[in-house]
Amino acid sequence: PIAERIADCLPMWLAPNSITLFGFFLNIISHLVLLYYQGFQMEGPVPNWAIVMTAVFYFTYIMLDNTDGKQARRTHSSSVLGMLFDHG
């Protein structure tokens, strides 16, 4: 239900795959911040704000990933590339 509410707030011209890509980039940013603080050995302290940011960005990624399918159905713009984005 929340993904439908989010999709209803999005403009009709917004491509569903761009919604997924935005969420993916948020996920990449949070992982790069963690990598900066912990390095490849995953040792050392991580600031609390970085942990909270990672959790928020990951939740946002999941919500946007669910929203892109609603947007695709709403705009009648389902595609093979969208299926690849969602299901690998």
PDB file of N, CA and C in Angstrom:
ATOM      1  N   PRO A   1       0.802  -1.215   0.000  1.00  0.00           N
ATOM      2  CA  PRO A   1       0.000   0.000   0.000  1.00  0.00           C
ATOM      3  C   PRO A   1       0.844   1.279   0.000  1.00  0.00           C
ATOM      4  N   ILE A   2       1.968   1.278   0.712  1.00  0.00           N
ATOM      5  CA  ILE A   2       2.760   2.511   0.756  1.00  0.00           C
ATOM      6  C   ILE A   2       3.444   2.770  -0.586  1.00  0.00           C
ATOM      7  N   ALA A   3       3.813   1.722  -1.300  1.00  0.00           N
ATOM      8  CA  ALA A   3       4.436   1.906  -2.619  1.00  0.00           C
ATOM      9  C   ALA A   3       3.440   2.530  -3.590  1.00  0.00           C
ATOM     10  N   GLU A   4       2.167   2.174  -3.474  1.00  0.00           N
ATOM     11  CA  GLU A   4       1.152   2.780  -4.335  1.00  0.00           C
ATOM     12  C   GLU A   4       0.992   4.260  -4.020  1.00  0.00           C
ATOM     13  N   ARG A   5       1.053   4.614  -2.753  1.00  0.00           N
ATOM     14  CA  ARG A   5       0.944   6.027  -2.370  1.00  0.00           C
ATOM     15  C   ARG A   5       2.126   6.822  -2.892  1.00  0.00           C
ATOM     16  N   ILE A   6       3.308   6.228  -2.817  1.00  0.00           N
ATOM     17  CA  ILE A   6       4.493   6.915  -3.335  1.00  0.00           C
ATOM     18  C   ILE A   6       4.378   7.074  -4.848  1.00  0.00           C
ATOM     19  N   ALA A   7       3.947   6.019  -5.532  1.00  0.00           N
ATOM     20  CA  ALA A   7       3.816   6.075  -6.989  1.00  0.00           C
ATOM     21  C   ALA A   7       2.788   7.120  -7.412  1.00  0.00           C
ATOM     22  N   ASP A   8       1.744   7.271  -6.621  1.00  0.00           N
ATOM     23  CA  ASP A   8       0.734   8.275  -6.948  1.00  0.00           C
ATOM     24  C   ASP A   8       1.287   9.694  -6.863  1.00  0.00           C
ATOM     25  N   CYS A   9       2.328   9.895  -6.070  1.00  0.00           N
ATOM     26  CA  CYS A   9       2.943  11.218  -5.932  1.00  0.00           C
ATOM     27  C   CYS A   9       3.956  11.510  -7.029  1.00  0.00           C
ATOM     28  N   LEU A  10       4.362  10.497  -7.764  1.00  0.00           N
ATOM     29  CA  LEU A  10       5.378  10.666  -8.799  1.00  0.00           C
ATOM     30  C   LEU A  10       4.741  11.157 -10.096  1.00  0.00           C
ATOM     31  N   PRO A  11       5.475  11.947 -10.885  1.00  0.00           N
ATOM     32  CA  PRO A  11       4.933  12.382 -12.173  1.00  0.00           C
ATOM     33  C   PRO A  11       4.846  11.214 -13.157  1.00  0.00           C
ATOM     34  N   MET A  12       3.900  11.296 -14.053  1.00  0.00           N
ATOM     35  CA  MET A  12       3.688  10.214 -15.024  1.00  0.00           C
ATOM     36  C   MET A  12       4.865  10.064 -15.991  1.00  0.00           C
ATOM     37  N   TRP A  13       5.635  11.112 -16.208  1.00  0.00           N
ATOM     38  CA  TRP A  13       6.739  11.040 -17.164  1.00  0.00           C
ATOM     39  C   TRP A  13       7.973  10.359 -16.582  1.00  0.00           C
ATOM     40  N   LEU A  14       7.995  10.117 -15.277  1.00  0.00           N
ATOM     41  CA  LEU A  14       9.163   9.520 -14.639  1.00  0.00           C
ATOM     42  C   LEU A  14       9.245   8.028 -14.966  1.00  0.00           C
ATOM     43  N   ALA A  15      10.361   7.623 -15.562  1.00  0.00           N
ATOM     44  CA  ALA A  15      10.540   6.223 -15.956  1.00  0.00           C
ATOM     45  C   ALA A  15      10.738   5.341 -14.732  1.00  0.00           C
ATOM     46  N   PRO A  16      10.103   4.170 -14.699  1.00  0.00           N
ATOM     47  CA  PRO A  16      10.256   3.268 -13.559  1.00  0.00           C
ATOM     48  C   PRO A  16      11.701   2.845 -13.303  1.00  0.00           C
ATOM     49  N   ASN A  17      12.472   2.643 -14.364  1.00  0.00           N
ATOM     50  CA  ASN A  17      13.862   2.230 -14.180  1.00  0.00           C
ATOM     51  C   ASN A  17      14.697   3.319 -13.510  1.00  0.00           C
ATOM     52  N   SER A  18      14.348   4.581 -13.724  1.00  0.00           N
ATOM     53  CA  SER A  18      15.083   5.662 -13.056  1.00  0.00           C
ATOM     54  C   SER A  18      14.814   5.659 -11.552  1.00  0.00           C
ATOM     55  N   ILE A  19      13.647   5.216 -11.147  1.00  0.00           N
ATOM     56  CA  ILE A  19      13.333   5.093  -9.719  1.00  0.00           C
ATOM     57  C   ILE A  19      14.236   4.035  -9.095  1.00  0.00           C
ATOM     58  N   THR A  20      14.374   2.909  -9.760  1.00  0.00           N
ATOM     59  CA  THR A  20      15.246   1.847  -9.266  1.00  0.00           C
ATOM     60  C   THR A  20      16.702   2.297  -9.232  1.00  0.00           C
ATOM     61  N   LEU A  21      17.146   2.986 -10.275  1.00  0.00           N
ATOM     62  CA  LEU A  21      18.538   3.447 -10.319  1.00  0.00           C
ATOM     63  C   LEU A  21      18.845   4.447  -9.210  1.00  0.00           C
ATOM     64  N   PHE A  22      17.898   5.323  -8.908  1.00  0.00           N
ATOM     65  CA  PHE A  22      18.110   6.285  -7.824  1.00  0.00           C
ATOM     66  C   PHE A  22      18.297   5.551  -6.494  1.00  0.00           C
ATOM     67  N   GLY A  23      17.446   4.564  -6.229  1.00  0.00           N
ATOM     68  CA  GLY A  23      17.588   3.774  -5.009  1.00  0.00           C
ATOM     69  C   GLY A  23      18.900   3.010  -4.981  1.00  0.00           C
ATOM     70  N   PHE A  24      19.309   2.488  -6.127  1.00  0.00           N
ATOM     71  CA  PHE A  24      20.574   1.765  -6.214  1.00  0.00           C
ATOM     72  C   PHE A  24      21.755   2.675  -5.897  1.00  0.00           C
ATOM     73  N   PHE A  25      21.726   3.906  -6.422  1.00  0.00           N
ATOM     74  CA  PHE A  25      22.814   4.843  -6.145  1.00  0.00           C
ATOM     75  C   PHE A  25      22.858   5.229  -4.671  1.00  0.00           C
ATOM     76  N   LEU A  26      21.703   5.352  -4.022  1.00  0.00           N
ATOM     77  CA  LEU A  26      21.696   5.601  -2.581  1.00  0.00           C
ATOM     78  C   LEU A  26      22.388   4.459  -1.839  1.00  0.00           C
ATOM     79  N   ASN A  27      22.115   3.252  -2.262  1.00  0.00           N
ATOM     80  CA  ASN A  27      22.725   2.073  -1.650  1.00  0.00           C
ATOM     81  C   ASN A  27      24.239   2.073  -1.863  1.00  0.00           C
ATOM     82  N   ILE A  28      24.681   2.426  -3.049  1.00  0.00           N
ATOM     83  CA  ILE A  28      26.112   2.492  -3.346  1.00  0.00           C
ATOM     84  C   ILE A  28      26.784   3.557  -2.479  1.00  0.00           C
ATOM     85  N   ILE A  29      26.157   4.717  -2.342  1.00  0.00           N
ATOM     86  CA  ILE A  29      26.727   5.789  -1.525  1.00  0.00           C
ATOM     87  C   ILE A  29      26.916   5.331  -0.089  1.00  0.00           C
ATOM     88  N   SER A  30      25.912   4.687   0.471  1.00  0.00           N
ATOM     89  CA  SER A  30      26.029   4.250   1.871  1.00  0.00           C
ATOM     90  C   SER A  30      27.127   3.205   2.031  1.00  0.00           C
ATOM     91  N   HIS A  31      27.272   2.327   1.061  1.00  0.00           N
ATOM     92  CA  HIS A  31      28.326   1.319   1.147  1.00  0.00           C
ATOM     93  C   HIS A  31      29.717   1.943   0.991  1.00  0.00           C
ATOM     94  N   LEU A  32      29.831   2.962   0.168  1.00  0.00           N
ATOM     95  CA  LEU A  32      31.119   3.645   0.030  1.00  0.00           C
ATOM     96  C   LEU A  32      31.501   4.379   1.316  1.00  0.00           C
ATOM     97  N   VAL A  33      30.521   4.930   2.012  1.00  0.00           N
ATOM     98  CA  VAL A  33      30.804   5.578   3.296  1.00  0.00           C
ATOM     99  C   VAL A  33      31.297   4.544   4.301  1.00  0.00           C
ATOM    100  N   LEU A  34      30.644   3.391   4.356  1.00  0.00           N
ATOM    101  CA  LEU A  34      31.091   2.334   5.262  1.00  0.00           C
ATOM    102  C   LEU A  34      32.488   1.842   4.884  1.00  0.00           C
ATOM    103  N   LEU A  35      32.738   1.725   3.605  1.00  0.00           N
ATOM    104  CA  LEU A  35      34.057   1.300   3.138  1.00  0.00           C
ATOM    105  C   LEU A  35      35.125   2.316   3.530  1.00  0.00           C
ATOM    106  N   TYR A  36      34.786   3.589   3.462  1.00  0.00           N
ATOM    107  CA  TYR A  36      35.726   4.641   3.859  1.00  0.00           C
ATOM    108  C   TYR A  36      36.125   4.497   5.327  1.00  0.00           C
ATOM    109  N   TYR A  37      35.154   4.228   6.182  1.00  0.00           N
ATOM    110  CA  TYR A  37      35.444   4.153   7.613  1.00  0.00           C
ATOM    111  C   TYR A  37      36.033   2.807   8.036  1.00  0.00           C
ATOM    112  N   GLN A  38      35.666   1.726   7.360  1.00  0.00           N
ATOM    113  CA  GLN A  38      36.139   0.419   7.802  1.00  0.00           C
ATOM    114  C   GLN A  38      37.218  -0.175   6.921  1.00  0.00           C
ATOM    115  N   GLY A  39      37.312   0.242   5.697  1.00  0.00           N
ATOM    116  CA  GLY A  39      38.292  -0.332   4.794  1.00  0.00           C
ATOM    117  C   GLY A  39      37.870  -1.731   4.359  1.00  0.00           C
ATOM    118  N   PHE A  40      38.714  -2.364   3.587  1.00  0.00           N
ATOM    119  CA  PHE A  40      38.390  -3.699   3.070  1.00  0.00           C
ATOM    120  C   PHE A  40      38.493  -4.785   4.138  1.00  0.00           C
ATOM    121  N   GLN A  41      39.197  -4.502   5.224  1.00  0.00           N
ATOM    122  CA  GLN A  41      39.310  -5.489   6.308  1.00  0.00           C
ATOM    123  C   GLN A  41      38.097  -5.458   7.225  1.00  0.00           C
ATOM    124  N   MET A  42      37.252  -4.445   7.078  1.00  0.00           N
ATOM    125  CA  MET A  42      36.054  -4.285   7.905  1.00  0.00           C
ATOM    126  C   MET A  42      36.412  -4.256   9.380  1.00  0.00           C
ATOM    127  N   GLU A  43      37.378  -3.451   9.695  1.00  0.00           N
ATOM    128  CA  GLU A  43      37.812  -3.277  11.080  1.00  0.00           C
ATOM    129  C   GLU A  43      37.720  -1.808  11.441  1.00  0.00           C
ATOM    130  N   GLY A  44      37.517  -1.552  12.687  1.00  0.00           N
ATOM    131  CA  GLY A  44      37.503  -0.186  13.174  1.00  0.00           C
ATOM    132  C   GLY A  44      36.094   0.318  13.418  1.00  0.00           C
ATOM    133  N   PRO A  45      36.017   1.426  14.123  1.00  0.00           N
ATOM    134  CA  PRO A  45      34.706   1.968  14.469  1.00  0.00           C
ATOM    135  C   PRO A  45      34.049   2.667  13.284  1.00  0.00           C
ATOM    136  N   VAL A  46      32.751   2.642  13.287  1.00  0.00           N
ATOM    137  CA  VAL A  46      31.947   3.347  12.291  1.00  0.00           C
ATOM    138  C   VAL A  46      31.090   4.352  13.053  1.00  0.00           C
ATOM    139  N   PRO A  47      31.038   5.590  12.598  1.00  0.00           N
ATOM    140  CA  PRO A  47      30.201   6.570  13.291  1.00  0.00           C
ATOM    141  C   PRO A  47      28.726   6.163  13.270  1.00  0.00           C
ATOM    142  N   ASN A  48      28.034   6.521  14.323  1.00  0.00           N
ATOM    143  CA  ASN A  48      26.614   6.170  14.411  1.00  0.00           C
ATOM    144  C   ASN A  48      25.804   6.762  13.261  1.00  0.00           C
ATOM    145  N   TRP A  49      26.170   7.970  12.826  1.00  0.00           N
ATOM    146  CA  TRP A  49      25.415   8.582  11.736  1.00  0.00           C
ATOM    147  C   TRP A  49      25.546   7.767  10.448  1.00  0.00           C
ATOM    148  N   ALA A  50      26.691   7.125  10.251  1.00  0.00           N
ATOM    149  CA  ALA A  50      26.888   6.313   9.048  1.00  0.00           C
ATOM    150  C   ALA A  50      26.028   5.053   9.100  1.00  0.00           C
ATOM    151  N   ILE A  51      25.871   4.486  10.270  1.00  0.00           N
ATOM    152  CA  ILE A  51      25.017   3.301  10.419  1.00  0.00           C
ATOM    153  C   ILE A  51      23.557   3.666  10.186  1.00  0.00           C
ATOM    154  N   VAL A  52      23.138   4.785  10.759  1.00  0.00           N
ATOM    155  CA  VAL A  52      21.750   5.232  10.569  1.00  0.00           C
ATOM    156  C   VAL A  52      21.512   5.578   9.104  1.00  0.00           C
ATOM    157  N   MET A  53      22.480   6.262   8.479  1.00  0.00           N
ATOM    158  CA  MET A  53      22.340   6.603   7.065  1.00  0.00           C
ATOM    159  C   MET A  53      22.204   5.346   6.209  1.00  0.00           C
ATOM    160  N   THR A  54      23.009   4.342   6.496  1.00  0.00           N
ATOM    161  CA  THR A  54      22.941   3.092   5.737  1.00  0.00           C
ATOM    162  C   THR A  54      21.572   2.437   5.889  1.00  0.00           C
ATOM    163  N   ALA A  55      21.046   2.429   7.104  1.00  0.00           N
ATOM    164  CA  ALA A  55      19.726   1.834   7.336  1.00  0.00           C
ATOM    165  C   ALA A  55      18.640   2.609   6.595  1.00  0.00           C
ATOM    166  N   VAL A  56      18.694   3.930   6.649  1.00  0.00           N
ATOM    167  CA  VAL A  56      17.681   4.756   5.974  1.00  0.00           C
ATOM    168  C   VAL A  56      17.793   4.609   4.459  1.00  0.00           C
ATOM    169  N   PHE A  57      19.011   4.635   3.937  1.00  0.00           N
ATOM    170  CA  PHE A  57      19.192   4.494   2.497  1.00  0.00           C
ATOM    171  C   PHE A  57      18.761   3.113   2.021  1.00  0.00           C
ATOM    172  N   TYR A  58      19.018   2.078   2.803  1.00  0.00           N
ATOM    173  CA  TYR A  58      18.603   0.733   2.403  1.00  0.00           C
ATOM    174  C   TYR A  58      17.083   0.608   2.416  1.00  0.00           C
ATOM    175  N   PHE A  59      16.448   1.152   3.441  1.00  0.00           N
ATOM    176  CA  PHE A  59      14.982   1.147   3.489  1.00  0.00           C
ATOM    177  C   PHE A  59      14.411   1.914   2.300  1.00  0.00           C
ATOM    178  N   THR A  60      15.021   3.061   1.990  1.00  0.00           N
ATOM    179  CA  THR A  60      14.570   3.852   0.841  1.00  0.00           C
ATOM    180  C   THR A  60      14.746   3.073  -0.455  1.00  0.00           C
ATOM    181  N   TYR A  61      15.863   2.365  -0.584  1.00  0.00           N
ATOM    182  CA  TYR A  61      16.092   1.547  -1.772  1.00  0.00           C
ATOM    183  C   TYR A  61      14.996   0.490  -1.930  1.00  0.00           C
ATOM    184  N   ILE A  62      14.651  -0.173  -0.847  1.00  0.00           N
ATOM    185  CA  ILE A  62      13.611  -1.210  -0.918  1.00  0.00           C
ATOM    186  C   ILE A  62      12.263  -0.597  -1.299  1.00  0.00           C
ATOM    187  N   MET A  63      11.946   0.550  -0.698  1.00  0.00           N
ATOM    188  CA  MET A  63      10.677   1.203  -1.017  1.00  0.00           C
ATOM    189  C   MET A  63      10.642   1.641  -2.482  1.00  0.00           C
ATOM    190  N   LEU A  64      11.736   2.198  -2.968  1.00  0.00           N
ATOM    191  CA  LEU A  64      11.777   2.628  -4.365  1.00  0.00           C
ATOM    192  C   LEU A  64      11.743   1.433  -5.312  1.00  0.00           C
ATOM    193  N   ASP A  65      12.354   0.337  -4.928  1.00  0.00           N
ATOM    194  CA  ASP A  65      12.317  -0.868  -5.758  1.00  0.00           C
ATOM    195  C   ASP A  65      10.890  -1.408  -5.866  1.00  0.00           C
ATOM    196  N   ASN A  66      10.127  -1.303  -4.797  1.00  0.00           N
ATOM    197  CA  ASN A  66       8.718  -1.709  -4.852  1.00  0.00           C
ATOM    198  C   ASN A  66       7.884  -0.702  -5.634  1.00  0.00           C
ATOM    199  N   THR A  67       8.252   0.560  -5.532  1.00  0.00           N
ATOM    200  CA  THR A  67       7.479   1.614  -6.191  1.00  0.00           C
ATOM    201  C   THR A  67       7.638   1.571  -7.705  1.00  0.00           C
ATOM    202  N   ASP A  68       8.787   1.140  -8.200  1.00  0.00           N
ATOM    203  CA  ASP A  68       8.991   1.165  -9.650  1.00  0.00           C
ATOM    204  C   ASP A  68       8.016   0.259 -10.383  1.00  0.00           C
ATOM    205  N   GLY A  69       7.661  -0.853  -9.792  1.00  0.00           N
ATOM    206  CA  GLY A  69       6.668  -1.728 -10.426  1.00  0.00           C
ATOM    207  C   GLY A  69       5.294  -1.093 -10.469  1.00  0.00           C
ATOM    208  N   LYS A  70       4.937  -0.397  -9.406  1.00  0.00           N
ATOM    209  CA  LYS A  70       3.653   0.321  -9.381  1.00  0.00           C
ATOM    210  C   LYS A  70       3.648   1.426 -10.438  1.00  0.00           C
ATOM    211  N   GLN A  71       4.779   2.116 -10.562  1.00  0.00           N
ATOM    212  CA  GLN A  71       4.879   3.180 -11.562  1.00  0.00           C
ATOM    213  C   GLN A  71       4.802   2.604 -12.977  1.00  0.00           C
ATOM    214  N   ALA A  72       5.424   1.454 -13.189  1.00  0.00           N
ATOM    215  CA  ALA A  72       5.382   0.827 -14.520  1.00  0.00           C
ATOM    216  C   ALA A  72       3.956   0.431 -14.881  1.00  0.00           C
ATOM    217  N   ARG A  73       3.227  -0.116 -13.929  1.00  0.00           N
ATOM    218  CA  ARG A  73       1.833  -0.478 -14.203  1.00  0.00           C
ATOM    219  C   ARG A  73       0.976   0.760 -14.408  1.00  0.00           C
ATOM    220  N   ARG A  74       1.248   1.789 -13.645  1.00  0.00           N
ATOM    221  CA  ARG A  74       0.463   3.016 -13.735  1.00  0.00           C
ATOM    222  C   ARG A  74       0.668   3.723 -15.073  1.00  0.00           C
ATOM    223  N   THR A  75       1.905   3.692 -15.584  1.00  0.00           N
ATOM    224  CA  THR A  75       2.210   4.381 -16.843  1.00  0.00           C
ATOM    225  C   THR A  75       2.198   3.438 -18.047  1.00  0.00           C
ATOM    226  N   HIS A  76       1.895   2.172 -17.829  1.00  0.00           N
ATOM    227  CA  HIS A  76       1.888   1.150 -18.898  1.00  0.00           C
ATOM    228  C   HIS A  76       3.226   1.126 -19.624  1.00  0.00           C
ATOM    229  N   SER A  77       4.302   1.096 -18.846  1.00  0.00           N
ATOM    230  CA  SER A  77       5.638   1.135 -19.452  1.00  0.00           C
ATOM    231  C   SER A  77       6.522   0.005 -18.937  1.00  0.00           C
ATOM    232  N   SER A  78       5.974  -1.167 -18.793  1.00  0.00           N
ATOM    233  CA  SER A  78       6.781  -2.325 -18.392  1.00  0.00           C
ATOM    234  C   SER A  78       7.733  -2.679 -19.529  1.00  0.00           C
ATOM    235  N   SER A  79       8.927  -3.162 -19.159  1.00  0.00           N
ATOM    236  CA  SER A  79       9.909  -3.499 -20.186  1.00  0.00           C
ATOM    237  C   SER A  79      10.745  -4.687 -19.737  1.00  0.00           C
ATOM    238  N   VAL A  80      11.469  -5.248 -20.690  1.00  0.00           N
ATOM    239  CA  VAL A  80      12.374  -6.351 -20.400  1.00  0.00           C
ATOM    240  C   VAL A  80      13.506  -5.863 -19.496  1.00  0.00           C
ATOM    241  N   LEU A  81      13.990  -4.646 -19.742  1.00  0.00           N
ATOM    242  CA  LEU A  81      15.039  -4.093 -18.897  1.00  0.00           C
ATOM    243  C   LEU A  81      14.537  -3.919 -17.461  1.00  0.00           C
ATOM    244  N   GLY A  82      13.290  -3.525 -17.291  1.00  0.00           N
ATOM    245  CA  GLY A  82      12.705  -3.414 -15.965  1.00  0.00           C
ATOM    246  C   GLY A  82      12.632  -4.757 -15.270  1.00  0.00           C
ATOM    247  N   MET A  83      12.311  -5.801 -16.013  1.00  0.00           N
ATOM    248  CA  MET A  83      12.285  -7.152 -15.444  1.00  0.00           C
ATOM    249  C   MET A  83      13.699  -7.559 -15.010  1.00  0.00           C
ATOM    250  N   LEU A  84      14.693  -7.185 -15.814  1.00  0.00           N
ATOM    251  CA  LEU A  84      16.083  -7.487 -15.463  1.00  0.00           C
ATOM    252  C   LEU A  84      16.501  -6.732 -14.207  1.00  0.00           C
ATOM    253  N   PHE A  85      16.111  -5.473 -14.091  1.00  0.00           N
ATOM    254  CA  PHE A  85      16.415  -4.685 -12.903  1.00  0.00           C
ATOM    255  C   PHE A  85      15.812  -5.327 -11.660  1.00  0.00           C
ATOM    256  N   ASP A  86      14.593  -5.802 -11.768  1.00  0.00           N
ATOM    257  CA  ASP A  86      13.881  -6.325 -10.601  1.00  0.00           C
ATOM    258  C   ASP A  86      14.264  -7.754 -10.244  1.00  0.00           C
ATOM    259  N   HIS A  87      14.528  -8.565 -11.228  1.00  0.00           N
ATOM    260  CA  HIS A  87      14.695 -10.000 -10.963  1.00  0.00           C
ATOM    261  C   HIS A  87      16.064 -10.546 -11.325  1.00  0.00           C
ATOM    262  N   GLY A  88      16.942  -9.708 -11.825  1.00  0.00           N
ATOM    263  CA  GLY A  88      18.298 -10.143 -12.113  1.00  0.00           C
ATOM    264  C   GLY A  88      18.482 -10.941 -13.348  1.00  0.00           C
TER     265      GLY A  88
END
